[in-house]
Protein backbone atom coordinates (compact mmCIF):
# COMPACT_ATOMS: atom_id res chain seq x y z
CA MET A 1 7.39 -32.54 36.62
CA VAL A 2 8.79 -29.96 34.17
CA PRO A 3 9.08 -26.43 35.59
CA GLU A 4 7.25 -23.69 33.73
CA PRO A 5 9.49 -21.42 31.71
CA GLN A 6 10.05 -18.10 33.40
CA PRO A 7 9.51 -14.87 31.46
CA ASP A 8 12.70 -13.52 30.00
CA HIS A 9 13.20 -9.95 31.22
CA ARG A 10 16.59 -9.30 29.63
CA PRO A 11 16.86 -6.62 26.96
CA ARG A 12 16.39 -7.95 23.45
CA GLY A 13 18.20 -7.04 20.27
CA ARG A 14 16.46 -6.04 17.04
CA GLU A 15 16.55 -9.54 15.55
CA GLU A 16 15.07 -11.12 18.68
CA LEU A 17 12.28 -8.53 18.76
CA ARG A 18 11.51 -9.12 15.09
CA ARG A 19 11.26 -12.87 15.67
CA ALA A 20 9.10 -12.24 18.75
CA GLY A 21 6.61 -10.36 16.57
CA HIS A 22 7.49 -6.79 17.50
CA GLY A 23 8.13 -5.87 13.86
CA LEU A 24 11.68 -4.72 14.56
CA CYS A 25 14.53 -5.75 12.32
CA HIS A 26 18.03 -4.58 11.67
CA GLN A 27 18.58 -2.16 8.82
CA PRO A 28 22.17 -2.70 7.70
CA ARG A 29 22.58 0.87 6.48
CA GLU A 30 20.84 4.19 6.53
CA LEU A 31 17.62 4.40 4.53
CA SER A 32 17.46 6.69 1.51
CA GLY A 33 16.18 10.23 1.90
CA LYS A 34 12.96 9.35 0.08
CA ARG A 35 12.21 6.47 2.45
CA LEU A 36 12.99 8.61 5.48
CA ALA A 37 10.67 11.32 4.13
CA ARG A 38 7.88 8.72 3.72
CA LEU A 39 8.34 7.63 7.35
CA THR A 40 8.12 11.26 8.47
CA LEU A 41 5.02 11.81 6.32
CA TYR A 42 3.48 8.65 7.82
CA ALA A 43 4.04 10.09 11.31
CA ARG A 44 2.59 13.50 10.36
CA GLN A 45 -0.49 11.89 8.75
CA THR A 46 -0.98 9.67 11.82
CA GLY A 47 -0.88 12.73 14.09
CA PHE A 48 -3.35 14.52 11.81
CA LEU A 49 -5.73 11.55 11.89
CA GLN A 50 -5.52 11.12 15.66
CA ALA A 51 -6.46 14.76 16.29
CA THR A 52 -9.97 15.90 17.14
CA PRO A 53 -10.95 19.03 15.16
CA GLU A 54 -12.09 22.09 17.16
CA THR A 55 -15.86 21.50 17.09
CA ALA A 56 -15.89 17.72 16.55
CA LYS A 57 -16.51 14.96 19.07
CA ARG A 58 -14.51 12.25 17.28
CA THR A 59 -11.02 12.08 15.83
CA ARG A 60 -10.50 12.34 12.09
CA MET A 61 -9.50 8.66 12.08
CA GLU A 62 -12.76 7.63 13.75
CA ASP A 63 -14.74 9.66 11.20
CA LEU A 64 -12.89 8.11 8.25
CA ARG A 65 -13.29 4.59 9.60
CA ALA A 66 -17.00 5.17 10.25
CA ALA A 67 -17.38 6.36 6.64
CA ARG A 68 -15.23 3.40 5.46
CA ARG A 69 -12.85 5.78 3.71
CA PRO A 70 -9.09 5.25 3.34
CA LEU A 71 -6.83 6.85 5.93
CA GLY A 72 -4.37 8.15 3.34
CA LEU A 73 -1.30 6.75 5.07
CA PRO A 74 1.66 6.39 2.71
CA GLU A 75 2.98 2.91 1.91
CA ILE A 76 6.12 2.11 3.87
CA GLU A 77 8.59 -0.22 2.15
CA ALA A 78 11.46 -0.07 4.64
CA GLY A 79 11.86 1.14 8.18
CA LYS A 80 8.62 -0.27 9.59
CA TYR A 81 10.61 -1.23 12.68
CA LEU A 82 11.01 2.50 13.43
CA ILE A 83 7.22 2.89 13.45
CA ALA A 84 7.08 -0.16 15.73
CA CYS A 85 9.50 1.59 18.14
CA LEU A 86 6.91 4.36 18.49
CA THR A 87 3.72 2.28 18.44
CA ALA A 88 4.53 -1.01 20.20
CA GLU A 89 2.77 -1.58 23.51
CA ASP A 90 6.05 -1.19 25.38
CA GLY A 91 7.45 1.27 22.84
CA LEU A 92 8.42 4.89 23.06
CA GLY A 93 5.06 6.33 21.97
CA TRP A 94 4.58 8.97 19.28
CA CYS A 95 5.38 11.94 21.51
CA ALA A 96 5.81 13.16 25.07
CA THR A 97 3.23 15.07 27.06
CA ASP A 98 3.80 17.83 29.56
CA PRO A 99 1.91 18.07 32.89
CA MET A 100 -0.69 20.36 31.28
CA GLY A 101 -1.47 17.83 28.54
CA GLY A 102 0.48 19.55 25.78
CA LEU A 103 2.35 17.49 23.24
CA ALA A 104 6.07 17.72 22.54
CA PRO A 105 8.46 15.66 20.42
CA HIS A 106 10.53 13.14 22.34
CA SER A 107 13.76 14.54 23.70
CA TRP A 108 17.10 13.03 22.76
CA ALA A 109 17.40 11.76 26.35
CA GLU A 110 14.09 9.89 26.08
CA ILE A 111 15.13 8.28 22.80
CA GLU A 112 18.52 7.28 24.26
CA ALA A 113 16.88 5.86 27.39
CA TYR A 114 14.38 3.89 25.31
CA SER A 115 17.16 2.54 23.10
CA ARG A 116 19.17 1.43 26.12
CA GLY A 117 16.17 0.05 28.01
CA ALA A 118 14.87 -1.91 25.02
CA GLY A 119 18.35 -3.18 24.18
CA LEU A 120 18.12 -1.83 20.65
CA ASP A 121 21.43 0.04 20.37
CA LEU A 122 20.02 2.46 17.80
CA GLU A 123 22.30 3.88 15.14
CA PRO A 124 22.57 7.71 15.16
CA TRP A 125 20.48 8.00 11.97
CA GLU A 126 17.75 5.85 13.55
CA ALA A 127 17.63 8.10 16.62
CA ARG A 128 17.48 11.19 14.36
CA GLN A 129 14.62 9.60 12.39
CA LEU A 130 12.67 8.73 15.56
CA ARG A 131 13.05 12.34 16.70
CA ALA A 132 11.93 13.63 13.27
CA MET A 133 8.92 11.30 13.29
CA SER A 134 7.96 12.40 16.80
CA ALA A 135 8.18 16.08 15.78
CA ALA A 136 6.15 15.37 12.62
CA TYR A 137 3.48 13.59 14.66
CA VAL A 138 3.12 16.63 16.94
CA GLU A 139 2.90 18.94 13.88
CA GLY A 140 0.21 16.67 12.42
CA ARG A 141 -1.80 16.77 15.65
CA ILE A 142 -1.63 20.57 15.68
CA GLU A 143 -2.79 20.78 12.03
CA GLY A 144 -5.46 18.15 12.70
CA ARG A 145 -7.04 20.23 15.47
CA LYS A 146 -7.86 22.98 12.99
CA LYS A 147 -11.41 22.71 11.72
CA ASN A 148 -10.32 23.06 8.08
CA GLY A 149 -6.87 21.49 8.46
CA VAL A 150 -5.34 19.98 5.33
CA ALA A 151 -4.11 16.41 5.59
CA PRO A 152 -0.32 16.22 5.17
CA THR A 153 -0.61 13.56 2.48
CA PHE A 154 -2.85 15.86 0.45
CA SER A 155 -1.02 19.15 1.00
CA GLY A 156 0.86 18.93 -2.29
CA GLY A 157 -0.10 17.99 -5.81
CA GLU A 158 -3.85 17.86 -6.33
CA ALA A 159 -4.71 19.68 -3.09
CA ALA A 160 -2.35 22.53 -3.97
CA ARG A 161 -3.92 22.83 -7.43
CA LYS A 162 -7.40 22.92 -5.88
CA ARG A 163 -6.34 25.69 -3.47
CA GLU A 164 -4.85 27.70 -6.33
CA LEU A 165 -8.01 27.21 -8.38
CA ALA A 166 -10.21 28.27 -5.44
CA GLN A 167 -8.09 31.38 -4.91
CA ALA A 168 -8.34 32.25 -8.62
CA ILE A 169 -12.13 31.81 -8.57
CA ARG A 170 -12.44 34.01 -5.46
CA ALA A 171 -10.30 36.68 -7.12
CA GLN A 172 -12.49 36.60 -10.25
CA MET A 173 -15.65 36.84 -8.13
CA ARG A 174 -14.25 39.87 -6.27
CA LEU A 175 -13.47 41.52 -9.62
CA ALA A 176 -16.97 40.78 -10.88
CA GLN A 177 -18.56 42.26 -7.74
CA ALA A 178 -16.39 45.38 -7.71
CA PRO A 179 -18.20 48.53 -8.88
CA ALA A 180 -17.18 49.61 -12.36
């Protein structure tokens, strides 16, 4: 009779986790600033989508999925393993919570403990990026709670032009209504 294999509880390295399906892989060098910014934007947009606006009963993500609309998450070409560190079932999580239910970015100690406990041996730039993504997620959740919050992925470009246009129209309407 062959004995059943016992679960392996030792810490795993990045390559082992990637092969095990955790989506983690080794990045040989620091990602470019643009790629790091996209990861941070992804975290902020995720926080925004997971927030429930002031008078709503569902999160923004639930509303968009019910309407079959895109979530507006940026495409991530590199660094997906950093998202996996935050979202995996046994991962760090997007942020920490205090006893009153408030959200806070992960502390450096939490990131270090996770790195050690998961056997990942994170590079300093990876730890900085995880901290930045956690802070961005919290900022996104705060913006998402506002009834008329603007999605982070739409806060520049077209959305900015629309806001400027709306402000210009309001200014013209005020001028038109002003007594001569």
